[in-house]
Protein backbone atom coordinates (compact mmCIF):
# COMPACT_ATOMS: atom_id res chain seq x y z
CA MET A 1 -56.00 -73.07 -28.52
CA LEU A 2 -59.73 -73.41 -28.42
CA ARG A 3 -61.88 -71.33 -30.69
CA ARG A 4 -63.51 -69.51 -27.76
CA ASP A 5 -60.14 -68.56 -26.29
CA PHE A 6 -58.98 -67.28 -29.67
CA ILE A 7 -62.11 -65.13 -30.04
CA LYS A 8 -61.61 -63.72 -26.51
CA VAL A 9 -58.04 -62.75 -27.34
CA ILE A 10 -59.06 -61.04 -30.59
CA ILE A 11 -61.90 -59.12 -28.93
CA GLY A 12 -59.65 -58.12 -26.03
CA ALA A 13 -56.97 -56.83 -28.38
CA ALA A 14 -59.53 -54.89 -30.43
CA THR A 15 -60.91 -53.13 -27.35
CA VAL A 16 -57.53 -52.31 -25.82
CA SER A 17 -55.65 -51.11 -28.91
CA PRO A 18 -57.61 -47.85 -29.54
CA SER A 19 -57.01 -46.66 -26.00
CA LEU A 20 -53.30 -47.48 -26.25
CA ALA A 21 -52.96 -45.61 -29.53
CA TYR A 22 -54.61 -42.54 -28.00
CA ALA A 23 -52.37 -42.63 -24.94
CA GLN A 24 -49.17 -42.74 -27.01
CA GLN A 25 -49.78 -39.54 -29.00
CA PRO A 26 -47.15 -36.86 -28.35
CA PRO A 27 -48.37 -33.65 -26.71
CA LYS A 28 -49.21 -30.70 -28.95
CA PRO A 29 -46.63 -27.88 -28.81
CA VAL A 30 -47.85 -24.53 -27.46
CA ILE A 31 -46.60 -21.13 -28.65
CA GLY A 32 -47.09 -18.12 -26.39
CA PHE A 33 -47.70 -14.69 -27.98
CA LEU A 34 -47.43 -11.72 -25.60
CA SER A 35 -47.97 -8.07 -26.53
CA ASN A 36 -48.57 -4.82 -24.72
CA ALA A 37 -50.73 -3.53 -27.59
CA SER A 38 -54.23 -4.53 -28.67
CA SER A 39 -54.99 -7.45 -30.95
CA SER A 40 -56.40 -5.23 -33.71
CA LEU A 41 -52.93 -3.78 -34.40
CA TYR A 42 -51.44 -7.21 -35.04
CA GLN A 43 -53.95 -8.87 -37.37
CA THR A 44 -51.80 -8.66 -40.52
CA ARG A 45 -48.68 -9.75 -38.63
CA LEU A 46 -50.51 -12.68 -37.08
CA GLY A 47 -51.74 -13.75 -40.51
CA ALA A 48 -48.15 -13.77 -41.77
CA PHE A 49 -47.03 -15.63 -38.63
CA ARG A 50 -49.67 -18.33 -39.15
CA GLN A 51 -48.71 -18.60 -42.83
CA GLY A 52 -45.05 -19.06 -41.88
CA LEU A 53 -46.01 -21.79 -39.42
CA LYS A 54 -48.12 -23.46 -42.09
CA GLU A 55 -45.18 -23.47 -44.52
CA VAL A 56 -43.12 -25.52 -42.06
CA GLY A 57 -45.98 -27.92 -41.30
CA TYR A 58 -47.73 -26.40 -38.28
CA VAL A 59 -51.43 -25.53 -38.44
CA GLU A 60 -53.03 -23.77 -35.49
CA GLY A 61 -55.61 -25.99 -33.84
CA GLN A 62 -54.41 -29.17 -35.58
CA ASN A 63 -50.83 -29.82 -34.51
CA VAL A 64 -49.89 -26.64 -32.62
CA ALA A 65 -51.68 -24.41 -30.12
CA ILE A 66 -51.10 -20.66 -29.83
CA GLU A 67 -51.90 -18.82 -26.61
CA TYR A 68 -52.48 -15.06 -27.08
CA ARG A 69 -52.21 -12.49 -24.29
CA TRP A 70 -52.89 -8.81 -24.94
CA ALA A 71 -52.28 -5.98 -22.45
CA GLU A 72 -54.47 -3.56 -24.45
CA GLY A 73 -52.03 -0.70 -23.93
């Protein structure tokens, strides 16, 4: 293999590999939280919920997403 061909292969692999690594990441799980009350009533409970998730390895915004929906009464 000629030196130029070898350099082309190395450069091609370097430019393709980051996009392949990004494409192969698993999707982030989403947790839905529904309530007929207002969000102010659930602040302490949500803190405990997030702490429980953190204890098993899930951190909101990093490896899990939480969607909140409040009916506000």
